[in-house]
Amino acid sequence: DSFVHFTIADDQVPDVEPSTRAQEIARTLVEENEIVAIVGHFSSGLCQEAGEIYGENRIVMISPTCTATGLTLGENTLNSYFFRTVPNDAVAAQTLFEEVSAAGQQVAVIYDDNTYSKSFKKSFGEGLIDQDYIYECSLISSDSPAFDPEQCAVEIAQ
């Protein structure tokens, strides 16, 4: 008789850096020689961090949520053991771009400094052939460590 055994691990623990936690989980699961596949992690950044460890150990990782384009396309793809069940950011960005273009709207972008946000911003920006963003506002930057949405809106309106 064969049984499927499920192990659940939470990479969202308060007061622990998520990428550190994801790597710890990946190393722990790799050490359990019975693991043949992983479903997860929750975010593109965590998929990148943990996925490197799984790939090195030839463990398949299937993600229902990691959409960053670079995980499967481009020069720095994660590895051949990573699969996703959701379209990448380029697909979603193209759809949004078509809507914005059809409406003839200018584009301002507010983004976070994480793998997903940067991937989506880059994919969307590739559609802007003859135009740039009228304004870019990072939620976290070295110039202003505290994000001020009201200031961002004022600057966009100018």
Protein backbone atom coordinates (compact mmCIF):
# COMPACT_ATOMS: atom_id res chain seq x y z
CA ASP A 1 0.00 0.00 0.00
CA SER A 2 1.11 3.54 -0.84
CA PHE A 3 -0.05 6.64 0.93
CA VAL A 4 0.26 10.30 0.12
CA HIS A 5 1.50 12.25 3.10
CA PHE A 6 0.91 16.01 3.27
CA THR A 7 3.13 18.34 5.26
CA ILE A 8 2.02 21.92 5.80
CA ALA A 9 4.46 24.71 6.60
CA ASP A 10 3.69 28.39 7.16
CA ASP A 11 6.21 30.87 5.75
CA GLN A 12 4.31 33.85 7.18
CA VAL A 13 5.52 34.06 10.77
CA PRO A 14 5.45 37.37 12.69
CA ASP A 15 8.83 38.91 13.46
CA VAL A 16 10.68 36.62 11.03
CA GLU A 17 11.88 37.86 7.64
CA PRO A 18 9.70 35.97 5.10
CA SER A 19 12.56 35.08 2.73
CA THR A 20 14.59 33.71 5.65
CA ARG A 21 11.59 31.66 6.81
CA ALA A 22 10.96 30.35 3.29
CA GLN A 23 14.58 29.22 3.00
CA GLU A 24 14.42 27.54 6.42
CA ILE A 25 11.28 25.67 5.40
CA ALA A 26 12.82 24.64 2.10
CA ARG A 27 15.95 23.27 3.79
CA THR A 28 13.84 21.39 6.36
CA LEU A 29 11.61 19.85 3.69
CA VAL A 30 14.61 18.87 1.56
CA GLU A 31 16.09 17.06 4.55
CA GLU A 32 12.94 14.93 4.75
CA ASN A 33 13.92 12.57 1.96
CA GLU A 34 10.29 11.59 1.37
CA ILE A 35 9.26 14.95 -0.15
CA VAL A 36 8.76 14.67 -3.92
CA ALA A 37 6.88 17.93 -4.64
CA ILE A 38 5.97 21.26 -3.07
CA VAL A 39 2.81 23.30 -3.61
CA GLY A 40 3.60 26.93 -2.78
CA HIS A 41 5.08 29.33 -1.72
CA PHE A 42 2.66 32.25 -1.52
CA SER A 43 4.60 35.10 -3.16
CA SER A 44 6.97 35.40 -6.10
CA GLY A 45 9.85 36.49 -3.86
CA LEU A 46 9.39 33.50 -1.59
CA CYS A 47 9.08 31.17 -4.59
CA GLN A 48 12.41 32.54 -5.82
CA GLU A 49 14.15 32.09 -2.46
CA ALA A 50 12.82 28.62 -1.64
CA GLY A 51 12.68 27.46 -5.26
CA GLU A 52 16.44 27.71 -5.63
CA ILE A 53 16.84 25.20 -2.80
CA TYR A 54 14.18 22.86 -4.19
CA GLY A 55 15.73 23.00 -7.67
CA GLU A 56 19.21 22.21 -6.35
CA ASN A 57 17.68 19.10 -4.78
CA ARG A 58 15.51 18.18 -7.81
CA ILE A 59 12.22 18.67 -6.00
CA VAL A 60 9.31 19.87 -8.12
CA MET A 61 7.62 23.07 -6.99
CA ILE A 62 4.15 23.99 -8.23
CA SER A 63 2.85 27.45 -7.42
CA PRO A 64 -0.74 28.62 -7.70
CA THR A 65 0.20 32.24 -6.84
CA CYS A 66 3.72 33.18 -7.98
CA THR A 67 3.31 35.33 -11.08
CA ALA A 68 6.66 37.14 -11.49
CA THR A 69 7.64 36.79 -15.12
CA GLY A 70 11.33 36.23 -14.37
CA LEU A 71 10.63 32.94 -12.59
CA THR A 72 10.08 31.21 -15.94
CA LEU A 73 11.14 33.67 -18.66
CA GLY A 74 14.39 35.49 -19.35
CA GLU A 75 18.00 35.01 -18.40
CA ASN A 76 17.48 34.37 -14.69
CA THR A 77 14.70 31.77 -14.70
CA LEU A 78 14.29 29.88 -11.48
CA ASN A 79 14.93 26.31 -12.68
CA SER A 80 13.33 23.47 -14.61
CA TYR A 81 11.66 22.14 -11.45
CA PHE A 82 9.38 25.18 -11.04
CA PHE A 83 5.87 25.22 -12.48
CA ARG A 84 2.94 27.54 -11.98
CA THR A 85 -0.80 27.16 -12.46
CA VAL A 86 -1.44 30.88 -12.96
CA PRO A 87 -0.40 33.14 -15.88
CA ASN A 88 2.69 35.27 -15.39
CA ASP A 89 2.66 39.05 -14.93
CA ALA A 90 3.21 39.70 -18.64
CA VAL A 91 -0.24 38.27 -19.44
CA ALA A 92 -2.03 40.35 -16.80
CA ALA A 93 -0.02 43.47 -17.67
CA GLN A 94 -0.87 43.10 -21.37
CA THR A 95 -4.58 42.94 -20.58
CA LEU A 96 -4.37 46.02 -18.37
CA PHE A 97 -2.29 47.83 -20.98
CA GLU A 98 -4.90 47.14 -23.67
CA GLU A 99 -7.61 48.63 -21.44
CA VAL A 100 -5.55 51.73 -20.62
CA SER A 101 -4.53 52.21 -24.26
CA ALA A 102 -8.11 51.88 -25.51
CA ALA A 103 -9.18 54.58 -23.07
CA GLY A 104 -6.25 56.83 -24.10
CA GLN A 105 -5.21 57.32 -20.49
CA GLN A 106 -1.88 58.45 -19.13
CA VAL A 107 -0.26 56.08 -16.70
CA ALA A 108 1.14 56.63 -13.22
CA VAL A 109 2.39 53.67 -11.26
CA ILE A 110 2.73 53.10 -7.54
CA TYR A 111 4.67 49.97 -6.68
CA ASP A 112 6.24 48.14 -3.78
CA ASP A 113 9.87 47.02 -3.68
CA ASN A 114 9.19 43.30 -4.05
CA THR A 115 9.57 40.70 -6.78
CA TYR A 116 5.90 40.74 -7.81
CA SER A 117 5.53 44.53 -7.99
CA LYS A 118 8.75 45.03 -9.92
CA SER A 119 7.83 42.24 -12.33
CA PHE A 120 4.36 43.65 -13.02
CA LYS A 121 5.70 47.21 -13.39
CA LYS A 122 8.35 46.03 -15.85
CA SER A 123 5.88 43.92 -17.87
CA PHE A 124 3.35 46.75 -18.04
CA GLY A 125 6.04 49.27 -18.96
CA GLU A 126 7.15 47.15 -21.92
CA GLY A 127 3.78 47.93 -23.53
CA LEU A 128 4.39 51.66 -23.28
CA ILE A 129 6.29 51.96 -26.56
CA ASP A 130 5.77 55.67 -27.26
CA GLN A 131 5.10 56.84 -23.74
CA ASP A 132 6.62 56.55 -20.31
CA TYR A 133 4.86 56.56 -17.00
CA ILE A 134 3.85 60.12 -16.18
CA TYR A 135 4.88 59.39 -12.63
CA GLU A 136 6.46 56.56 -10.65
CA CYS A 137 6.08 56.27 -6.90
CA SER A 138 7.75 53.52 -4.89
CA LEU A 139 6.12 52.53 -1.62
CA ILE A 140 9.60 52.21 -0.13
CA SER A 141 12.64 54.10 -1.34
CA SER A 142 15.88 55.37 0.08
CA ASP A 143 14.69 58.95 -0.57
CA SER A 144 11.55 58.57 1.54
CA PRO A 145 11.45 55.51 3.78
CA ALA A 146 7.86 56.27 4.84
CA PHE A 147 5.32 56.02 2.02
CA ASP A 148 2.97 59.00 1.82
CA PRO A 149 0.02 58.18 -0.48
CA GLU A 150 -1.31 61.74 -0.30
CA GLN A 151 2.02 63.18 -1.44
CA CYS A 152 2.15 60.61 -4.22
CA ALA A 153 -1.36 61.66 -5.39
CA VAL A 154 -0.39 65.36 -5.31
CA GLU A 155 2.71 64.69 -7.40
CA ILE A 156 0.73 62.62 -9.91
CA ALA A 157 -1.83 65.42 -10.31
CA GLN A 158 0.83 68.02 -11.15
